[in-house]
Amino acid sequence: MASVTSRIRLGTTVTPVPRRHPWKLAAEAVALDHLSGGRVILGVGAGDPADPSIGRVIDGSSQIGDGSDLRVLAERLDEALGLIDALWSGEPVHYAGAHYRVDGLQLAARPVQRPRIPVWVGGDLTKPGVRRRIRRWDGSCAYKGRTDRPQWITPTDVSELLAEVAEERGSSGGFDVKVSGDDSPCLMHVNLVGGTGRSGDRVVRRSRPSYAEESPDSTGQRGG
């Protein structure tokens, strides 16, 4: 995909980070960012606690303990994201956390994108912890409600999330919200007010975009 396209952004929704080595994931994302010319998005989540592979292995090899504890999965996700972000700086990283430790680890290359590859956070949008994590990073690819009984993400949900981002950062500019094709029964227009005070009309698509569609609006909505 990266080699035969030039504008469409490429990414995951989502990578279950707690069952990956964060340093390996960081390096793989950098490699794809270079291959695509800076078009990668890393969608991340804690993973499904019902997935037995999360509790037994990471990258098919090492024991990582009990994967059914949502608190532990969230801790691993947050630690790993901080470690990945530090590794993308290109500087040697020294880190000792509850779940990961590195001493002087340094990637051979930095991402093409600055300040980093965009990180979109998944999870249940109704959970306060998920919303806090979303606000710390670059975008949302969250769902709403239980995975077996998902709810539609509405224009109000999007506006409220962007308002939270703006309140915490001073602006929602550059923050992306992905809304899946099944999240709404119709095309939704959301009137948003960014940190600059300017309002803008953005379209959230209902239909699933074709891979041939290379407009930024085909993957989500940008605040600001």
C-alpha atoms as a PDB file:
ATOM      1  CA  MET A   1       0.000   0.000   0.000  1.00  0.00           C
ATOM      2  CA  ALA A   2       2.739   2.472   0.921  1.00  0.00           C
ATOM      3  CA  SER A   3       4.616   1.880  -2.314  1.00  0.00           C
ATOM      4  CA  VAL A   4       1.648   2.311  -4.672  1.00  0.00           C
ATOM      5  CA  THR A   5       0.011   5.377  -3.066  1.00  0.00           C
ATOM      6  CA  SER A   6       1.266   8.900  -2.514  1.00  0.00           C
ATOM      7  CA  ARG A   7      -1.291  10.793  -0.411  1.00  0.00           C
ATOM      8  CA  ILE A   8      -3.561   8.451   1.541  1.00  0.00           C
ATOM      9  CA  ARG A   9      -2.589   8.030   5.179  1.00  0.00           C
ATOM     10  CA  LEU A  10      -1.835   4.532   6.407  1.00  0.00           C
ATOM     11  CA  GLY A  11      -2.362   3.130   9.855  1.00  0.00           C
ATOM     12  CA  THR A  12      -3.816   0.627  12.273  1.00  0.00           C
ATOM     13  CA  THR A  13      -7.080   0.751  14.205  1.00  0.00           C
ATOM     14  CA  VAL A  14      -5.844  -0.557  16.437  1.00  0.00           C
ATOM     15  CA  THR A  15      -2.570  -2.198  17.452  1.00  0.00           C
ATOM     16  CA  PRO A  16      -2.961  -3.923  20.858  1.00  0.00           C
ATOM     17  CA  VAL A  17       0.214  -2.416  22.286  1.00  0.00           C
ATOM     18  CA  PRO A  18       0.412  -4.482  25.519  1.00  0.00           C
ATOM     19  CA  ARG A  19       1.153  -7.629  23.521  1.00  0.00           C
ATOM     20  CA  ARG A  20       3.999  -6.043  21.541  1.00  0.00           C
ATOM     21  CA  HIS A  21       7.547  -5.100  22.468  1.00  0.00           C
ATOM     22  CA  PRO A  22       7.311  -1.276  22.411  1.00  0.00           C
ATOM     23  CA  TRP A  23      10.855  -0.849  21.017  1.00  0.00           C
ATOM     24  CA  LYS A  24      10.080  -3.245  18.154  1.00  0.00           C
ATOM     25  CA  LEU A  25       6.765  -1.520  17.431  1.00  0.00           C
ATOM     26  CA  ALA A  26       8.501   1.872  17.487  1.00  0.00           C
ATOM     27  CA  ALA A  27      11.120   0.711  14.960  1.00  0.00           C
ATOM     28  CA  GLU A  28       8.526  -0.887  12.675  1.00  0.00           C
ATOM     29  CA  ALA A  29       6.445   2.297  12.646  1.00  0.00           C
ATOM     30  CA  VAL A  30       9.535   4.348  11.751  1.00  0.00           C
ATOM     31  CA  ALA A  31      10.383   1.991   8.896  1.00  0.00           C
ATOM     32  CA  LEU A  32       6.854   2.310   7.474  1.00  0.00           C
ATOM     33  CA  ASP A  33       6.919   6.082   7.948  1.00  0.00           C
ATOM     34  CA  HIS A  34      10.046   6.264   5.780  1.00  0.00           C
ATOM     35  CA  LEU A  35       8.648   3.840   3.207  1.00  0.00           C
ATOM     36  CA  SER A  36       5.454   5.908   2.890  1.00  0.00           C
ATOM     37  CA  GLY A  37       7.141   9.299   2.952  1.00  0.00           C
ATOM     38  CA  GLY A  38       5.637  10.304   6.293  1.00  0.00           C
ATOM     39  CA  ARG A  39       2.042   9.081   6.008  1.00  0.00           C
ATOM     40  CA  VAL A  40       1.766   6.645   8.915  1.00  0.00           C
ATOM     41  CA  ILE A  41      -0.693   6.842  11.792  1.00  0.00           C
ATOM     42  CA  LEU A  42      -0.271   4.509  14.758  1.00  0.00           C
ATOM     43  CA  GLY A  43      -3.651   3.545  16.163  1.00  0.00           C
ATOM     44  CA  VAL A  44      -3.281   2.034  19.623  1.00  0.00           C
ATOM     45  CA  GLY A  45      -5.355   0.271  22.225  1.00  0.00           C
ATOM     46  CA  ALA A  46      -5.049  -1.908  25.293  1.00  0.00           C
ATOM     47  CA  GLY A  47      -6.370  -4.996  23.525  1.00  0.00           C
ATOM     48  CA  ASP A  48      -9.290  -7.230  24.307  1.00  0.00           C
ATOM     49  CA  PRO A  49      -8.818  -8.720  27.803  1.00  0.00           C
ATOM     50  CA  ALA A  50     -10.733 -11.789  26.627  1.00  0.00           C
ATOM     51  CA  ASP A  51      -8.006 -12.527  24.074  1.00  0.00           C
ATOM     52  CA  PRO A  52      -5.954 -15.373  25.601  1.00  0.00           C
ATOM     53  CA  SER A  53      -2.840 -14.405  23.654  1.00  0.00           C
ATOM     54  CA  ILE A  54      -2.540 -11.141  25.611  1.00  0.00           C
ATOM     55  CA  GLY A  55      -2.153 -13.022  28.878  1.00  0.00           C
ATOM     56  CA  ARG A  56       0.441 -15.486  27.617  1.00  0.00           C
ATOM     57  CA  VAL A  57       2.784 -14.044  25.032  1.00  0.00           C
ATOM     58  CA  ILE A  58       4.170 -10.871  23.587  1.00  0.00           C
ATOM     59  CA  ASP A  59       5.309 -11.017  19.945  1.00  0.00           C
ATOM     60  CA  GLY A  60       4.932 -14.788  20.155  1.00  0.00           C
ATOM     61  CA  SER A  61       7.730 -15.348  22.652  1.00  0.00           C
ATOM     62  CA  SER A  62       7.881 -13.876  26.143  1.00  0.00           C
ATOM     63  CA  GLN A  63       5.601 -14.227  29.140  1.00  0.00           C
ATOM     64  CA  ILE A  64       3.830 -10.989  30.084  1.00  0.00           C
ATOM     65  CA  GLY A  65       1.568 -12.097  32.909  1.00  0.00           C
ATOM     66  CA  ASP A  66      -2.152 -11.735  33.405  1.00  0.00           C
ATOM     67  CA  GLY A  67      -3.779 -10.081  30.400  1.00  0.00           C
ATOM     68  CA  SER A  68      -7.282 -10.112  31.863  1.00  0.00           C
ATOM     69  CA  ASP A  69      -6.655  -7.218  34.267  1.00  0.00           C
ATOM     70  CA  LEU A  70      -7.831  -4.028  32.564  1.00  0.00           C
ATOM     71  CA  ARG A  71      -5.811  -1.890  34.948  1.00  0.00           C
ATOM     72  CA  VAL A  72      -2.595  -3.727  34.080  1.00  0.00           C
ATOM     73  CA  LEU A  73      -3.328  -3.522  30.354  1.00  0.00           C
ATOM     74  CA  ALA A  74      -3.898   0.225  30.690  1.00  0.00           C
ATOM     75  CA  GLU A  75      -0.636   0.619  32.613  1.00  0.00           C
ATOM     76  CA  ARG A  76       1.277  -1.287  29.951  1.00  0.00           C
ATOM     77  CA  LEU A  77      -0.301   0.807  27.211  1.00  0.00           C
ATOM     78  CA  ASP A  78       0.573   4.112  28.867  1.00  0.00           C
ATOM     79  CA  GLU A  79       4.143   3.041  29.676  1.00  0.00           C
ATOM     80  CA  ALA A  80       4.689   1.694  26.187  1.00  0.00           C
ATOM     81  CA  LEU A  81       3.401   4.872  24.522  1.00  0.00           C
ATOM     82  CA  GLY A  82       5.726   7.019  26.596  1.00  0.00           C
ATOM     83  CA  LEU A  83       8.630   4.737  25.704  1.00  0.00           C
ATOM     84  CA  ILE A  84       7.755   4.697  21.995  1.00  0.00           C
ATOM     85  CA  ASP A  85       7.519   8.497  21.920  1.00  0.00           C
ATOM     86  CA  ALA A  86      10.919   8.790  23.605  1.00  0.00           C
ATOM     87  CA  LEU A  87      12.499   6.337  21.161  1.00  0.00           C
ATOM     88  CA  TRP A  88      11.141   8.330  18.213  1.00  0.00           C
ATOM     89  CA  SER A  89      13.220  11.296  19.406  1.00  0.00           C
ATOM     90  CA  GLY A  90      16.327   9.504  18.131  1.00  0.00           C
ATOM     91  CA  GLU A  91      18.093  10.007  21.454  1.00  0.00           C
ATOM     92  CA  PRO A  92      19.303   7.240  23.788  1.00  0.00           C
ATOM     93  CA  VAL A  93      16.478   6.256  26.133  1.00  0.00           C
ATOM     94  CA  HIS A  94      16.879   5.198  29.742  1.00  0.00           C
ATOM     95  CA  TYR A  95      13.643   4.034  31.299  1.00  0.00           C
ATOM     96  CA  ALA A  96      12.683   1.867  34.259  1.00  0.00           C
ATOM     97  CA  GLY A  97       8.966   1.391  34.759  1.00  0.00           C
ATOM     98  CA  ALA A  98       6.700  -1.206  36.279  1.00  0.00           C
ATOM     99  CA  HIS A  99       6.449  -3.160  33.020  1.00  0.00           C
ATOM    100  CA  TYR A 100       9.319  -2.095  30.726  1.00  0.00           C
ATOM    101  CA  ARG A 101      12.988  -1.264  31.183  1.00  0.00           C
ATOM    102  CA  VAL A 102      15.586  -0.044  28.712  1.00  0.00           C
ATOM    103  CA  ASP A 103      19.066   1.329  29.293  1.00  0.00           C
ATOM    104  CA  GLY A 104      20.498   3.544  26.591  1.00  0.00           C
ATOM    105  CA  LEU A 105      18.362   2.106  23.782  1.00  0.00           C
ATOM    106  CA  GLN A 106      18.461   4.243  20.632  1.00  0.00           C
ATOM    107  CA  LEU A 107      16.736   3.791  17.275  1.00  0.00           C
ATOM    108  CA  ALA A 108      18.884   4.066  14.173  1.00  0.00           C
ATOM    109  CA  ALA A 109      16.395   6.408  12.466  1.00  0.00           C
ATOM    110  CA  ARG A 110      13.794   8.999  13.442  1.00  0.00           C
ATOM    111  CA  PRO A 111      10.328   9.208  11.885  1.00  0.00           C
ATOM    112  CA  VAL A 112       9.840  11.420   8.845  1.00  0.00           C
ATOM    113  CA  GLN A 113       6.949  13.180  10.595  1.00  0.00           C
ATOM    114  CA  ARG A 114       7.606  15.773  13.277  1.00  0.00           C
ATOM    115  CA  PRO A 115       7.305  15.950  16.159  1.00  0.00           C
ATOM    116  CA  ARG A 116       6.323  12.265  15.880  1.00  0.00           C
ATOM    117  CA  ILE A 117       4.176   9.761  14.059  1.00  0.00           C
ATOM    118  CA  PRO A 118       0.566  10.646  14.999  1.00  0.00           C
ATOM    119  CA  VAL A 119      -0.839   8.391  17.704  1.00  0.00           C
ATOM    120  CA  TRP A 120      -4.589   7.770  17.621  1.00  0.00           C
ATOM    121  CA  VAL A 121      -6.054   6.172  20.738  1.00  0.00           C
ATOM    122  CA  GLY A 122      -8.797   3.559  20.697  1.00  0.00           C
ATOM    123  CA  GLY A 123     -11.001   2.183  23.443  1.00  0.00           C
ATOM    124  CA  ASP A 124     -14.454   2.874  24.800  1.00  0.00           C
ATOM    125  CA  LEU A 125     -15.206   6.584  24.469  1.00  0.00           C
ATOM    126  CA  THR A 126     -17.554   6.419  27.461  1.00  0.00           C
ATOM    127  CA  LYS A 127     -14.696   5.514  29.851  1.00  0.00           C
ATOM    128  CA  PRO A 128     -13.020   8.490  31.614  1.00  0.00           C
ATOM    129  CA  GLY A 129      -9.609   6.786  31.529  1.00  0.00           C
ATOM    130  CA  VAL A 130      -9.820   6.312  27.775  1.00  0.00           C
ATOM    131  CA  ARG A 131     -10.811   9.958  27.269  1.00  0.00           C
ATOM    132  CA  ARG A 132      -7.867  11.114  29.388  1.00  0.00           C
ATOM    133  CA  ARG A 133      -5.506   9.005  27.279  1.00  0.00           C
ATOM    134  CA  ILE A 134      -7.027  10.315  24.050  1.00  0.00           C
ATOM    135  CA  ARG A 135      -6.440  13.917  25.153  1.00  0.00           C
ATOM    136  CA  ARG A 136      -2.738  13.234  25.711  1.00  0.00           C
ATOM    137  CA  TRP A 137      -2.088  12.101  22.147  1.00  0.00           C
ATOM    138  CA  ASP A 138      -2.896  13.097  18.568  1.00  0.00           C
ATOM    139  CA  GLY A 139      -6.287  11.668  17.714  1.00  0.00           C
ATOM    140  CA  SER A 140      -9.133   9.339  18.560  1.00  0.00           C
ATOM    141  CA  CYS A 141     -10.134   6.102  16.868  1.00  0.00           C
ATOM    142  CA  ALA A 142     -12.328   5.114  19.791  1.00  0.00           C
ATOM    143  CA  TYR A 143     -15.627   3.286  19.670  1.00  0.00           C
ATOM    144  CA  LYS A 144     -18.561   3.963  21.977  1.00  0.00           C
ATOM    145  CA  GLY A 145     -20.068   1.494  24.427  1.00  0.00           C
ATOM    146  CA  ARG A 146     -19.534  -2.241  24.676  1.00  0.00           C
ATOM    147  CA  THR A 147     -17.945  -3.944  21.697  1.00  0.00           C
ATOM    148  CA  ASP A 148     -20.820  -6.413  21.488  1.00  0.00           C
ATOM    149  CA  ARG A 149     -23.389  -3.583  21.684  1.00  0.00           C
ATOM    150  CA  PRO A 150     -21.719  -0.551  20.092  1.00  0.00           C
ATOM    151  CA  GLN A 151     -23.436   2.813  20.060  1.00  0.00           C
ATOM    152  CA  TRP A 152     -23.305   5.442  17.353  1.00  0.00           C
ATOM    153  CA  ILE A 153     -20.773   8.202  17.792  1.00  0.00           C
ATOM    154  CA  THR A 154     -22.798  11.372  17.311  1.00  0.00           C
ATOM    155  CA  PRO A 155     -21.858  14.924  16.302  1.00  0.00           C
ATOM    156  CA  THR A 156     -22.299  15.882  19.958  1.00  0.00           C
ATOM    157  CA  ASP A 157     -19.805  13.206  21.027  1.00  0.00           C
ATOM    158  CA  VAL A 158     -17.230  14.548  18.573  1.00  0.00           C
ATOM    159  CA  SER A 159     -17.800  18.175  19.575  1.00  0.00           C
ATOM    160  CA  GLU A 160     -17.560  17.358  23.287  1.00  0.00           C
ATOM    161  CA  LEU A 161     -14.335  15.416  22.827  1.00  0.00           C
ATOM    162  CA  LEU A 162     -12.742  18.218  20.819  1.00  0.00           C
ATOM    163  CA  ALA A 163     -13.876  20.720  23.448  1.00  0.00           C
ATOM    164  CA  GLU A 164     -12.081  18.638  26.110  1.00  0.00           C
ATOM    165  CA  VAL A 165      -8.947  18.565  23.978  1.00  0.00           C
ATOM    166  CA  ALA A 166      -9.116  22.333  23.463  1.00  0.00           C
ATOM    167  CA  GLU A 167      -9.622  22.957  27.175  1.00  0.00           C
ATOM    168  CA  GLU A 168      -6.580  20.867  28.084  1.00  0.00           C
ATOM    169  CA  ARG A 169      -4.268  22.076  25.296  1.00  0.00           C
ATOM    170  CA  GLY A 170      -5.628  25.507  24.486  1.00  0.00           C
ATOM    171  CA  SER A 171      -6.668  24.345  21.003  1.00  0.00           C
ATOM    172  CA  SER A 172      -8.016  21.280  19.221  1.00  0.00           C
ATOM    173  CA  GLY A 173      -6.135  22.216  16.061  1.00  0.00           C
ATOM    174  CA  GLY A 174      -4.405  19.243  14.461  1.00  0.00           C
ATOM    175  CA  PHE A 175      -6.333  16.726  16.556  1.00  0.00           C
ATOM    176  CA  ASP A 176      -8.114  14.024  14.515  1.00  0.00           C
ATOM    177  CA  VAL A 177     -11.284  12.121  15.320  1.00  0.00           C
ATOM    178  CA  LYS A 178     -11.951   8.975  13.332  1.00  0.00           C
ATOM    179  CA  VAL A 179     -15.597   7.935  12.999  1.00  0.00           C
ATOM    180  CA  SER A 180     -16.166   4.491  11.496  1.00  0.00           C
ATOM    181  CA  GLY A 181     -18.583   3.832   8.665  1.00  0.00           C
ATOM    182  CA  ASP A 182     -21.120   2.178  10.949  1.00  0.00           C
ATOM    183  CA  ASP A 183     -21.076   4.890  13.610  1.00  0.00           C
ATOM    184  CA  SER A 184     -23.878   7.008  12.159  1.00  0.00           C
ATOM    185  CA  PRO A 185     -27.013   6.544  10.075  1.00  0.00           C
ATOM    186  CA  CYS A 186     -26.280   9.614   7.961  1.00  0.00           C
ATOM    187  CA  LEU A 187     -23.655  12.112   6.936  1.00  0.00           C
ATOM    188  CA  MET A 188     -23.060  14.375   9.900  1.00  0.00           C
ATOM    189  CA  HIS A 189     -22.009  18.006   9.802  1.00  0.00           C
ATOM    190  CA  VAL A 190     -20.472  19.258  13.024  1.00  0.00           C
ATOM    191  CA  ASN A 191     -19.946  22.931  13.717  1.00  0.00           C
ATOM    192  CA  LEU A 192     -16.726  23.168  15.700  1.00  0.00           C
ATOM    193  CA  VAL A 193     -15.023  26.050  17.440  1.00  0.00           C
ATOM    194  CA  GLY A 194     -11.266  25.643  17.730  1.00  0.00           C
ATOM    195  CA  GLY A 195      -8.787  27.329  20.008  1.00  0.00           C
ATOM    196  CA  THR A 196      -8.542  30.309  17.667  1.00  0.00           C
ATOM    197  CA  GLY A 197     -12.230  31.064  18.036  1.00  0.00           C
ATOM    198  CA  ARG A 198     -12.893  30.345  14.385  1.00  0.00           C
ATOM    199  CA  SER A 199     -15.687  27.945  13.547  1.00  0.00           C
ATOM    200  CA  GLY A 200     -15.545  25.446  10.743  1.00  0.00           C
ATOM    201  CA  ASP A 201     -17.765  22.876   9.121  1.00  0.00           C
ATOM    202  CA  ARG A 202     -16.433  19.352   8.941  1.00  0.00           C
ATOM    203  CA  VAL A 203     -18.038  16.262   7.441  1.00  0.00           C
ATOM    204  CA  VAL A 204     -18.012  12.895   9.152  1.00  0.00           C
ATOM    205  CA  ARG A 205     -18.627  10.208   6.570  1.00  0.00           C
ATOM    206  CA  ARG A 206     -21.063   7.357   7.027  1.00  0.00           C
ATOM    207  CA  SER A 207     -20.009   5.304   4.008  1.00  0.00           C
ATOM    208  CA  ARG A 208     -16.766   3.388   4.170  1.00  0.00           C
ATOM    209  CA  PRO A 209     -14.199   5.248   2.047  1.00  0.00           C
ATOM    210  CA  SER A 210     -12.617   3.595  -0.941  1.00  0.00           C
ATOM    211  CA  TYR A 211      -8.857   3.141  -0.821  1.00  0.00           C
ATOM    212  CA  ALA A 212      -8.814   5.268  -3.968  1.00  0.00           C
ATOM    213  CA  GLU A 213     -10.132   8.242  -1.994  1.00  0.00           C
ATOM    214  CA  GLU A 214      -7.095  10.153  -0.858  1.00  0.00           C
ATOM    215  CA  SER A 215      -8.761  13.171   0.722  1.00  0.00           C
ATOM    216  CA  PRO A 216      -7.906  13.679   4.447  1.00  0.00           C
ATOM    217  CA  ASP A 217     -11.644  13.748   5.165  1.00  0.00           C
ATOM    218  CA  SER A 218     -11.927  10.115   4.054  1.00  0.00           C
ATOM    219  CA  THR A 219     -10.250   8.921   7.256  1.00  0.00           C
ATOM    220  CA  GLY A 220     -11.787  11.200   9.835  1.00  0.00           C
ATOM    221  CA  GLN A 221     -12.249  14.701  11.069  1.00  0.00           C
ATOM    222  CA  ARG A 222      -9.700  17.315  12.017  1.00  0.00           C
ATOM    223  CA  GLY A 223     -10.377  19.772  14.759  1.00  0.00           C
ATOM    224  CA  GLY A 224      -9.446  23.407  14.666  1.00  0.00           C
END
